[in-house]
Protein backbone atom coordinates (compact mmCIF):
# COMPACT_ATOMS: atom_id res chain seq x y z
CA MET A 1 -16.46 -91.02 52.06
CA ASN A 2 -17.01 -93.45 49.20
CA ARG A 3 -18.70 -92.67 45.87
CA ARG A 4 -22.11 -93.94 46.98
CA GLU A 5 -22.09 -91.76 50.09
CA ALA A 6 -20.97 -88.77 48.02
CA VAL A 7 -23.83 -89.25 45.55
CA ARG A 8 -26.34 -89.47 48.42
CA LEU A 9 -24.90 -86.36 50.01
CA PHE A 10 -25.03 -84.46 46.72
CA GLU A 11 -28.69 -85.48 46.25
CA ALA A 12 -29.52 -84.39 49.79
CA VAL A 13 -27.84 -81.00 49.33
CA ARG A 14 -29.56 -80.46 45.96
CA LEU A 15 -33.00 -81.24 47.35
CA LEU A 16 -32.54 -79.32 50.59
CA THR A 17 -31.35 -76.19 48.79
CA ALA A 18 -34.61 -76.23 46.82
CA LEU A 19 -36.55 -75.77 50.07
CA PRO A 20 -37.33 -72.09 50.73
CA MET A 21 -36.90 -72.48 54.50
CA VAL A 22 -33.25 -73.56 54.32
CA LYS A 23 -30.78 -70.73 54.93
CA SER A 24 -27.53 -72.66 54.84
CA ILE A 25 -26.15 -76.17 54.68
CA GLU A 26 -23.10 -77.54 56.43
CA VAL A 27 -21.42 -80.80 55.51
CA ALA A 28 -20.36 -83.04 58.37
CA SER A 29 -19.42 -86.67 58.87
CA VAL A 30 -22.42 -88.57 60.22
CA SER A 31 -22.16 -91.77 62.21
CA PRO A 32 -25.11 -94.15 62.72
CA ARG A 33 -25.39 -93.05 66.37
CA ASP A 34 -25.83 -89.38 65.43
CA VAL A 35 -29.29 -87.78 65.39
CA ILE A 36 -30.13 -85.53 62.44
CA VAL A 37 -31.79 -82.31 63.68
CA ILE A 38 -33.68 -80.15 61.19
CA GLU A 39 -34.64 -76.68 62.42
CA SER A 40 -37.11 -74.34 60.75
CA GLU A 41 -38.02 -70.84 61.86
CA LYS A 42 -41.45 -71.31 60.29
CA ILE A 43 -44.23 -73.52 61.58
CA LEU A 44 -44.31 -76.83 59.68
CA SER A 45 -47.34 -79.04 59.31
CA GLN A 46 -47.25 -82.59 60.64
CA SER A 47 -47.12 -83.93 57.08
CA ALA A 48 -44.21 -81.60 56.16
CA SER A 49 -42.30 -82.82 59.22
CA GLU A 50 -43.00 -86.44 58.36
CA ASN A 51 -41.93 -85.87 54.74
CA LEU A 52 -38.64 -84.36 55.93
CA LYS A 53 -38.02 -87.31 58.25
CA ALA A 54 -38.79 -89.78 55.44
CA PHE A 55 -36.38 -87.95 53.14
CA VAL A 56 -33.62 -88.02 55.76
CA LYS A 57 -34.26 -91.73 56.32
CA ARG A 58 -33.58 -92.38 52.62
CA ILE A 59 -30.23 -90.59 52.85
CA TRP A 60 -29.17 -91.78 56.32
CA PRO A 61 -31.20 -94.96 57.00
CA ASP A 62 -29.41 -95.77 60.27
CA ASN A 63 -29.96 -92.38 61.91
CA LYS A 64 -32.82 -90.90 63.89
CA CYS A 65 -34.23 -87.53 62.87
CA VAL A 66 -35.86 -84.70 64.82
CA VAL A 67 -37.73 -81.83 63.15
CA LEU A 68 -38.04 -78.61 65.17
CA CYS A 69 -39.96 -75.56 63.98
CA ASP A 70 -41.25 -72.20 65.13
CA GLY A 71 -38.09 -71.37 67.06
CA LEU A 72 -37.88 -74.58 69.09
CA LYS A 73 -34.35 -75.53 70.10
CA LEU A 74 -32.96 -78.89 71.16
CA ARG A 75 -30.20 -79.19 73.75
CA ILE A 76 -28.63 -82.28 75.27
CA ALA A 77 -27.49 -82.25 78.88
CA ARG A 78 -24.84 -84.93 79.19
CA GLU A 79 -24.12 -86.75 82.41
CA VAL A 80 -20.73 -85.74 83.84
């Protein structure tokens, strides 16, 4: 991780910890092919979901983002 990536990660962690719906944050290496999944136990409005996606796009511009709320879970079934 270079300095620029570290600064972006620090900013993301700082802003996400300010959100009341976030219980914990884990740091992981993210490649451009990874999809960022944000889960919330509460129902989020469409605009809140779009704002979260826009924020993630600023931090990880090459990644796709999915926002799930109200207990929705995302699973991937990979071809064997």
